N, C-alpha and C. Protein backbone atom coordinates (compact mmCIF):
# COMPACT_ATOMS: atom_id res chain seq x y z
N MET A 1 0.84 -1.17 0.00
CA MET A 1 0.00 0.00 0.00
C MET A 1 0.89 1.24 0.00
N ASP A 2 0.64 2.12 -0.96
CA ASP A 2 1.46 3.32 -1.11
C ASP A 2 0.73 4.51 -0.48
N THR A 3 1.35 5.14 0.46
CA THR A 3 0.75 6.32 1.08
C THR A 3 1.52 7.55 0.61
N THR A 4 0.81 8.63 0.48
CA THR A 4 1.41 9.88 0.04
C THR A 4 1.79 10.68 1.27
N SER A 5 3.00 11.17 1.26
CA SER A 5 3.45 11.94 2.41
C SER A 5 2.88 13.35 2.36
N PHE A 6 2.93 13.99 3.49
CA PHE A 6 2.45 15.36 3.60
C PHE A 6 3.21 16.27 2.65
N TRP A 7 4.50 16.07 2.50
CA TRP A 7 5.32 16.95 1.65
C TRP A 7 4.99 16.77 0.18
N ASP A 8 4.64 15.56 -0.22
CA ASP A 8 4.22 15.33 -1.60
C ASP A 8 2.93 16.08 -1.91
N VAL A 9 2.00 16.02 -0.97
CA VAL A 9 0.75 16.75 -1.15
C VAL A 9 1.00 18.25 -1.18
N LEU A 10 1.89 18.73 -0.34
CA LEU A 10 2.22 20.14 -0.31
C LEU A 10 2.86 20.60 -1.63
N VAL A 11 3.77 19.81 -2.17
CA VAL A 11 4.42 20.15 -3.43
C VAL A 11 3.41 20.14 -4.58
N TRP A 12 2.54 19.13 -4.63
CA TRP A 12 1.51 19.08 -5.68
C TRP A 12 0.54 20.25 -5.56
N SER A 13 0.20 20.63 -4.35
CA SER A 13 -0.68 21.78 -4.14
C SER A 13 -0.01 23.06 -4.62
N PHE A 14 1.27 23.20 -4.36
CA PHE A 14 2.02 24.37 -4.80
C PHE A 14 2.02 24.46 -6.33
N TRP A 15 2.31 23.33 -7.00
CA TRP A 15 2.34 23.35 -8.46
C TRP A 15 0.95 23.57 -9.04
N LEU A 16 -0.07 23.06 -8.42
CA LEU A 16 -1.44 23.31 -8.88
C LEU A 16 -1.76 24.80 -8.77
N PHE A 17 -1.38 25.42 -7.67
CA PHE A 17 -1.59 26.85 -7.50
C PHE A 17 -0.85 27.64 -8.57
N ILE A 18 0.39 27.26 -8.87
CA ILE A 18 1.18 27.95 -9.90
C ILE A 18 0.49 27.84 -11.26
N TRP A 19 0.01 26.66 -11.63
CA TRP A 19 -0.65 26.48 -12.91
C TRP A 19 -1.95 27.29 -13.00
N ILE A 20 -2.73 27.29 -11.93
CA ILE A 20 -3.97 28.07 -11.94
C ILE A 20 -3.67 29.56 -12.09
N ALA A 21 -2.67 30.05 -11.37
CA ALA A 21 -2.29 31.46 -11.47
C ALA A 21 -1.79 31.78 -12.88
N ALA A 22 -0.99 30.89 -13.46
CA ALA A 22 -0.46 31.13 -14.80
C ALA A 22 -1.58 31.17 -15.84
N PHE A 23 -2.54 30.24 -15.74
CA PHE A 23 -3.66 30.26 -16.68
C PHE A 23 -4.51 31.51 -16.50
N THR A 24 -4.69 31.94 -15.28
CA THR A 24 -5.46 33.15 -15.02
C THR A 24 -4.79 34.36 -15.68
N VAL A 25 -3.49 34.49 -15.51
CA VAL A 25 -2.76 35.61 -16.12
C VAL A 25 -2.83 35.51 -17.64
N TYR A 26 -2.63 34.33 -18.18
CA TYR A 26 -2.63 34.13 -19.63
C TYR A 26 -3.97 34.53 -20.23
N PHE A 27 -5.07 34.03 -19.67
CA PHE A 27 -6.38 34.36 -20.22
C PHE A 27 -6.76 35.81 -19.97
N ARG A 28 -6.32 36.39 -18.87
CA ARG A 28 -6.58 37.82 -18.63
C ARG A 28 -5.91 38.67 -19.70
N CYS A 29 -4.69 38.29 -20.08
CA CYS A 29 -3.98 39.01 -21.15
C CYS A 29 -4.71 38.85 -22.48
N LEU A 30 -5.17 37.64 -22.79
CA LEU A 30 -5.91 37.42 -24.04
C LEU A 30 -7.20 38.23 -24.08
N PHE A 31 -7.97 38.21 -23.00
CA PHE A 31 -9.22 38.95 -22.97
C PHE A 31 -8.98 40.45 -23.08
N ASP A 32 -7.94 40.93 -22.41
CA ASP A 32 -7.62 42.36 -22.49
C ASP A 32 -7.21 42.73 -23.90
N MET A 33 -6.41 41.90 -24.53
CA MET A 33 -5.92 42.20 -25.88
C MET A 33 -7.09 42.32 -26.85
N PHE A 34 -8.03 41.38 -26.81
CA PHE A 34 -9.13 41.42 -27.76
C PHE A 34 -10.21 42.43 -27.40
N SER A 35 -10.26 42.90 -26.18
CA SER A 35 -11.26 43.90 -25.82
C SER A 35 -10.74 45.33 -25.92
N ASP A 36 -9.44 45.49 -26.21
CA ASP A 36 -8.85 46.82 -26.34
C ASP A 36 -9.18 47.40 -27.71
N HIS A 37 -9.99 48.45 -27.75
CA HIS A 37 -10.40 49.06 -29.02
C HIS A 37 -9.34 49.97 -29.61
N THR A 38 -8.34 50.35 -28.83
CA THR A 38 -7.29 51.22 -29.35
C THR A 38 -6.18 50.44 -30.05
N LEU A 39 -6.13 49.15 -29.85
CA LEU A 39 -5.10 48.31 -30.46
C LEU A 39 -5.53 47.94 -31.87
N SER A 40 -4.65 48.12 -32.85
CA SER A 40 -4.99 47.83 -34.25
C SER A 40 -5.11 46.32 -34.47
N GLY A 41 -5.69 45.96 -35.58
CA GLY A 41 -5.86 44.56 -35.91
C GLY A 41 -4.52 43.86 -36.11
N ALA A 42 -3.58 44.55 -36.75
CA ALA A 42 -2.26 43.95 -36.96
C ALA A 42 -1.55 43.74 -35.63
N ALA A 43 -1.67 44.69 -34.70
CA ALA A 43 -1.05 44.54 -33.39
C ALA A 43 -1.69 43.39 -32.63
N LYS A 44 -3.01 43.26 -32.72
CA LYS A 44 -3.69 42.13 -32.06
C LYS A 44 -3.22 40.81 -32.65
N ALA A 45 -3.06 40.77 -33.97
CA ALA A 45 -2.59 39.54 -34.62
C ALA A 45 -1.17 39.21 -34.15
N GLY A 46 -0.32 40.22 -34.05
CA GLY A 46 1.05 39.99 -33.58
C GLY A 46 1.09 39.47 -32.16
N TRP A 47 0.31 40.10 -31.29
CA TRP A 47 0.26 39.64 -29.90
C TRP A 47 -0.31 38.23 -29.83
N ALA A 48 -1.36 37.95 -30.64
CA ALA A 48 -1.98 36.63 -30.62
C ALA A 48 -0.98 35.56 -31.08
N ILE A 49 -0.22 35.84 -32.13
CA ILE A 49 0.78 34.88 -32.61
C ILE A 49 1.83 34.63 -31.53
N LEU A 50 2.30 35.72 -30.91
CA LEU A 50 3.28 35.57 -29.84
C LEU A 50 2.73 34.73 -28.68
N MET A 51 1.48 35.01 -28.31
CA MET A 51 0.91 34.31 -27.16
C MET A 51 0.48 32.89 -27.48
N ILE A 52 0.31 32.56 -28.76
CA ILE A 52 -0.01 31.18 -29.14
C ILE A 52 1.26 30.33 -29.19
N PHE A 53 2.33 30.87 -29.79
CA PHE A 53 3.53 30.08 -29.98
C PHE A 53 4.45 30.05 -28.75
N VAL A 54 4.46 31.11 -27.98
CA VAL A 54 5.24 31.12 -26.72
C VAL A 54 4.32 31.70 -25.65
N PRO A 55 3.35 30.91 -25.17
CA PRO A 55 2.28 31.46 -24.34
C PRO A 55 2.74 32.17 -23.07
N TRP A 56 3.57 31.54 -22.27
CA TRP A 56 3.90 32.15 -20.97
C TRP A 56 4.85 33.32 -21.15
N LEU A 57 5.80 33.19 -22.06
CA LEU A 57 6.69 34.32 -22.33
C LEU A 57 5.90 35.46 -22.97
N GLY A 58 4.98 35.14 -23.88
CA GLY A 58 4.15 36.16 -24.52
C GLY A 58 3.30 36.90 -23.51
N ALA A 59 2.70 36.17 -22.57
CA ALA A 59 1.89 36.82 -21.53
C ALA A 59 2.75 37.70 -20.64
N PHE A 60 3.95 37.22 -20.32
CA PHE A 60 4.87 38.00 -19.50
C PHE A 60 5.28 39.29 -20.21
N ILE A 61 5.60 39.20 -21.49
CA ILE A 61 5.96 40.40 -22.27
C ILE A 61 4.77 41.33 -22.38
N TYR A 62 3.57 40.77 -22.58
CA TYR A 62 2.36 41.59 -22.67
C TYR A 62 2.13 42.35 -21.37
N LEU A 63 2.33 41.69 -20.24
CA LEU A 63 2.15 42.37 -18.95
C LEU A 63 3.16 43.50 -18.77
N ILE A 64 4.39 43.28 -19.21
CA ILE A 64 5.40 44.34 -19.08
C ILE A 64 5.07 45.50 -20.01
N ALA A 65 4.70 45.19 -21.26
CA ALA A 65 4.47 46.24 -22.25
C ALA A 65 3.15 46.97 -22.03
N ARG A 66 2.11 46.27 -21.64
CA ARG A 66 0.78 46.89 -21.60
C ARG A 66 0.09 46.77 -20.25
N GLY A 67 0.83 46.42 -19.21
CA GLY A 67 0.23 46.22 -17.89
C GLY A 67 -0.44 47.45 -17.33
N ARG A 68 0.20 48.61 -17.46
CA ARG A 68 -0.37 49.84 -16.93
C ARG A 68 -1.66 50.20 -17.66
N SER A 69 -1.66 50.06 -18.99
CA SER A 69 -2.87 50.40 -19.73
C SER A 69 -3.98 49.38 -19.46
N MET A 70 -3.60 48.13 -19.13
CA MET A 70 -4.61 47.14 -18.73
C MET A 70 -5.37 47.63 -17.50
N ALA A 71 -4.63 48.10 -16.53
CA ALA A 71 -5.25 48.59 -15.30
C ALA A 71 -6.12 49.81 -15.57
N GLU A 72 -5.64 50.72 -16.42
CA GLU A 72 -6.42 51.91 -16.73
C GLU A 72 -7.71 51.55 -17.45
N ARG A 73 -7.64 50.61 -18.40
CA ARG A 73 -8.85 50.18 -19.11
C ARG A 73 -9.83 49.52 -18.15
N GLN A 74 -9.32 48.72 -17.23
CA GLN A 74 -10.18 48.05 -16.26
C GLN A 74 -10.87 49.06 -15.35
N MET A 75 -10.13 50.07 -14.89
CA MET A 75 -10.73 51.10 -14.03
C MET A 75 -11.76 51.91 -14.80
N ALA A 76 -11.48 52.24 -16.07
CA ALA A 76 -12.44 52.98 -16.88
C ALA A 76 -13.71 52.16 -17.10
N LYS A 77 -13.54 50.87 -17.30
CA LYS A 77 -14.70 49.99 -17.49
C LYS A 77 -15.56 49.95 -16.23
N TYR A 78 -14.92 49.83 -15.06
CA TYR A 78 -15.67 49.81 -13.81
C TYR A 78 -16.36 51.15 -13.56
N ALA A 79 -15.70 52.27 -13.88
CA ALA A 79 -16.32 53.58 -13.70
C ALA A 79 -17.52 53.73 -14.63
N GLN A 80 -17.40 53.23 -15.86
CA GLN A 80 -18.52 53.31 -16.80
C GLN A 80 -19.70 52.46 -16.31
N GLN A 81 -19.41 51.27 -15.80
CA GLN A 81 -20.47 50.42 -15.27
C GLN A 81 -21.14 51.06 -14.06
N GLN A 82 -20.35 51.69 -13.20
CA GLN A 82 -20.91 52.33 -12.02
C GLN A 82 -21.79 53.52 -12.41
N ALA A 83 -21.35 54.31 -13.40
CA ALA A 83 -22.14 55.45 -13.86
C ALA A 83 -23.45 54.97 -14.48
N ALA A 84 -23.38 53.88 -15.26
CA ALA A 84 -24.61 53.34 -15.86
C ALA A 84 -25.56 52.83 -14.79
N GLN A 85 -25.01 52.22 -13.73
CA GLN A 85 -25.85 51.73 -12.64
C GLN A 85 -26.51 52.90 -11.91
N GLN A 86 -25.75 53.96 -11.64
CA GLN A 86 -26.32 55.13 -10.96
C GLN A 86 -27.41 55.77 -11.81
N GLU A 87 -27.17 55.86 -13.12
CA GLU A 87 -28.17 56.43 -14.01
C GLU A 87 -29.44 55.59 -14.02
N TYR A 88 -29.27 54.27 -14.02
CA TYR A 88 -30.42 53.38 -13.99
C TYR A 88 -31.20 53.53 -12.69
N ILE A 89 -30.48 53.62 -11.59
CA ILE A 89 -31.15 53.78 -10.29
C ILE A 89 -31.94 55.09 -10.26
N GLN A 90 -31.34 56.16 -10.75
CA GLN A 90 -32.04 57.45 -10.79
C GLN A 90 -33.28 57.35 -11.68
N GLN A 91 -33.16 56.66 -12.80
CA GLN A 91 -34.28 56.54 -13.72
C GLN A 91 -35.41 55.72 -13.10
N VAL A 92 -35.06 54.63 -12.44
CA VAL A 92 -36.08 53.76 -11.84
C VAL A 92 -36.72 54.44 -10.63
N ALA A 93 -35.91 55.17 -9.85
CA ALA A 93 -36.44 55.82 -8.67
C ALA A 93 -37.42 56.92 -9.06
N GLY A 94 -37.24 57.51 -10.22
CA GLY A 94 -38.17 58.53 -10.70
C GLY A 94 -38.25 59.73 -9.79
N ARG A 95 -37.13 60.13 -9.28
CA ARG A 95 -37.10 61.26 -8.36
C ARG A 95 -37.42 62.56 -9.08
N SER A 96 -38.34 63.30 -8.53
CA SER A 96 -38.65 64.62 -9.07
C SER A 96 -37.63 65.60 -8.53
N ALA A 97 -37.15 66.46 -9.38
CA ALA A 97 -36.11 67.39 -8.97
C ALA A 97 -36.67 68.50 -8.06
N SER A 98 -37.87 68.91 -8.33
CA SER A 98 -38.42 70.04 -7.57
C SER A 98 -39.32 69.55 -6.44
N PRO A 99 -39.42 70.36 -5.38
CA PRO A 99 -40.35 70.00 -4.29
C PRO A 99 -41.80 69.91 -4.76
N ALA A 100 -42.16 70.77 -5.72
CA ALA A 100 -43.53 70.73 -6.24
C ALA A 100 -43.81 69.40 -6.93
N GLY A 101 -42.82 68.88 -7.66
CA GLY A 101 -42.97 67.58 -8.32
C GLY A 101 -43.09 66.46 -7.31
N GLN A 102 -42.32 66.54 -6.23
CA GLN A 102 -42.40 65.52 -5.20
C GLN A 102 -43.76 65.54 -4.52
N ILE A 103 -44.27 66.74 -4.25
CA ILE A 103 -45.59 66.85 -3.62
C ILE A 103 -46.67 66.34 -4.57
N ALA A 104 -46.53 66.64 -5.87
CA ALA A 104 -47.50 66.15 -6.85
C ALA A 104 -47.48 64.63 -6.92
N ASP A 105 -46.27 64.04 -6.86
CA ASP A 105 -46.18 62.58 -6.86
C ASP A 105 -46.83 62.00 -5.61
N ALA A 106 -46.61 62.65 -4.46
CA ALA A 106 -47.22 62.19 -3.22
C ALA A 106 -48.73 62.33 -3.27
N ARG A 107 -49.22 63.41 -3.88
CA ARG A 107 -50.67 63.63 -4.01
C ARG A 107 -51.28 62.52 -4.88
N ALA A 108 -50.58 62.15 -5.95
CA ALA A 108 -51.07 61.07 -6.82
C ALA A 108 -51.14 59.76 -6.05
N LEU A 109 -50.15 59.50 -5.19
CA LEU A 109 -50.19 58.30 -4.37
C LEU A 109 -51.35 58.34 -3.38
N LEU A 110 -51.60 59.52 -2.80
CA LEU A 110 -52.71 59.68 -1.86
C LEU A 110 -54.04 59.47 -2.58
N ASP A 111 -54.17 60.05 -3.77
CA ASP A 111 -55.42 59.92 -4.52
C ASP A 111 -55.68 58.48 -4.95
N SER A 112 -54.60 57.73 -5.21
CA SER A 112 -54.79 56.33 -5.63
C SER A 112 -55.04 55.42 -4.43
N GLY A 113 -54.85 55.93 -3.21
CA GLY A 113 -55.08 55.14 -2.02
C GLY A 113 -53.87 54.35 -1.56
N SER A 114 -52.72 54.61 -2.17
CA SER A 114 -51.51 53.87 -1.81
C SER A 114 -50.95 54.30 -0.47
N ILE A 115 -51.15 55.56 -0.11
CA ILE A 115 -50.67 56.07 1.17
C ILE A 115 -51.81 56.76 1.89
N SER A 116 -51.61 56.91 3.20
CA SER A 116 -52.64 57.57 4.01
C SER A 116 -52.38 59.07 4.05
N GLU A 117 -53.31 59.80 4.66
CA GLU A 117 -53.17 61.25 4.77
C GLU A 117 -51.95 61.62 5.60
N SER A 118 -51.69 60.89 6.67
CA SER A 118 -50.52 61.19 7.50
C SER A 118 -49.22 60.94 6.74
N GLU A 119 -49.18 59.88 5.93
CA GLU A 119 -47.99 59.61 5.12
C GLU A 119 -47.79 60.71 4.06
N PHE A 120 -48.91 61.19 3.50
CA PHE A 120 -48.83 62.29 2.54
C PHE A 120 -48.25 63.53 3.20
N GLU A 121 -48.71 63.84 4.40
CA GLU A 121 -48.20 65.03 5.10
C GLU A 121 -46.71 64.88 5.41
N ALA A 122 -46.28 63.67 5.77
CA ALA A 122 -44.85 63.42 6.04
C ALA A 122 -44.02 63.62 4.77
N LEU A 123 -44.51 63.11 3.64
CA LEU A 123 -43.80 63.29 2.38
C LEU A 123 -43.76 64.76 1.95
N LYS A 124 -44.86 65.45 2.21
CA LYS A 124 -44.93 66.87 1.87
C LYS A 124 -43.95 67.67 2.71
N ALA A 125 -43.88 67.36 4.00
CA ALA A 125 -42.94 68.05 4.89
C ALA A 125 -41.49 67.76 4.47
N LYS A 126 -41.24 66.53 4.08
CA LYS A 126 -39.89 66.15 3.66
C LYS A 126 -39.49 66.87 2.37
N ALA A 127 -40.45 67.03 1.45
CA ALA A 127 -40.16 67.72 0.18
C ALA A 127 -39.89 69.19 0.39
N MET A 128 -40.50 69.78 1.40
CA MET A 128 -40.32 71.21 1.64
C MET A 128 -39.02 71.53 2.35
N VAL A 129 -38.36 70.55 2.89
CA VAL A 129 -37.11 70.79 3.62
C VAL A 129 -35.98 71.09 2.70
């Protein structure tokens, strides 16, 4: 019966972690390369050839050459998503800019029976502040 020692398991775990990290970096570079709209088609083809024929060296060179712009593109993408989310929230919330609009919205809710008179007065007082 063959038992595996603790150190063998530790070494295999280490190498598994290294491979997962390497694949993560490699695919992150590929996704960034193809999603970059400022990179020309010829440049994308060159990077793709490099990363296909010498994958780990190609990814390493890509990180050195374009790592800073990768981070900038990622931050711009997150800022754009956050702005779109804020715009959507504002649109769905349907906030009236003026106190008169807020009171009119509250009056419509009162007339439809959605809120009581006391709730209407609270909303009216809040709009006037």
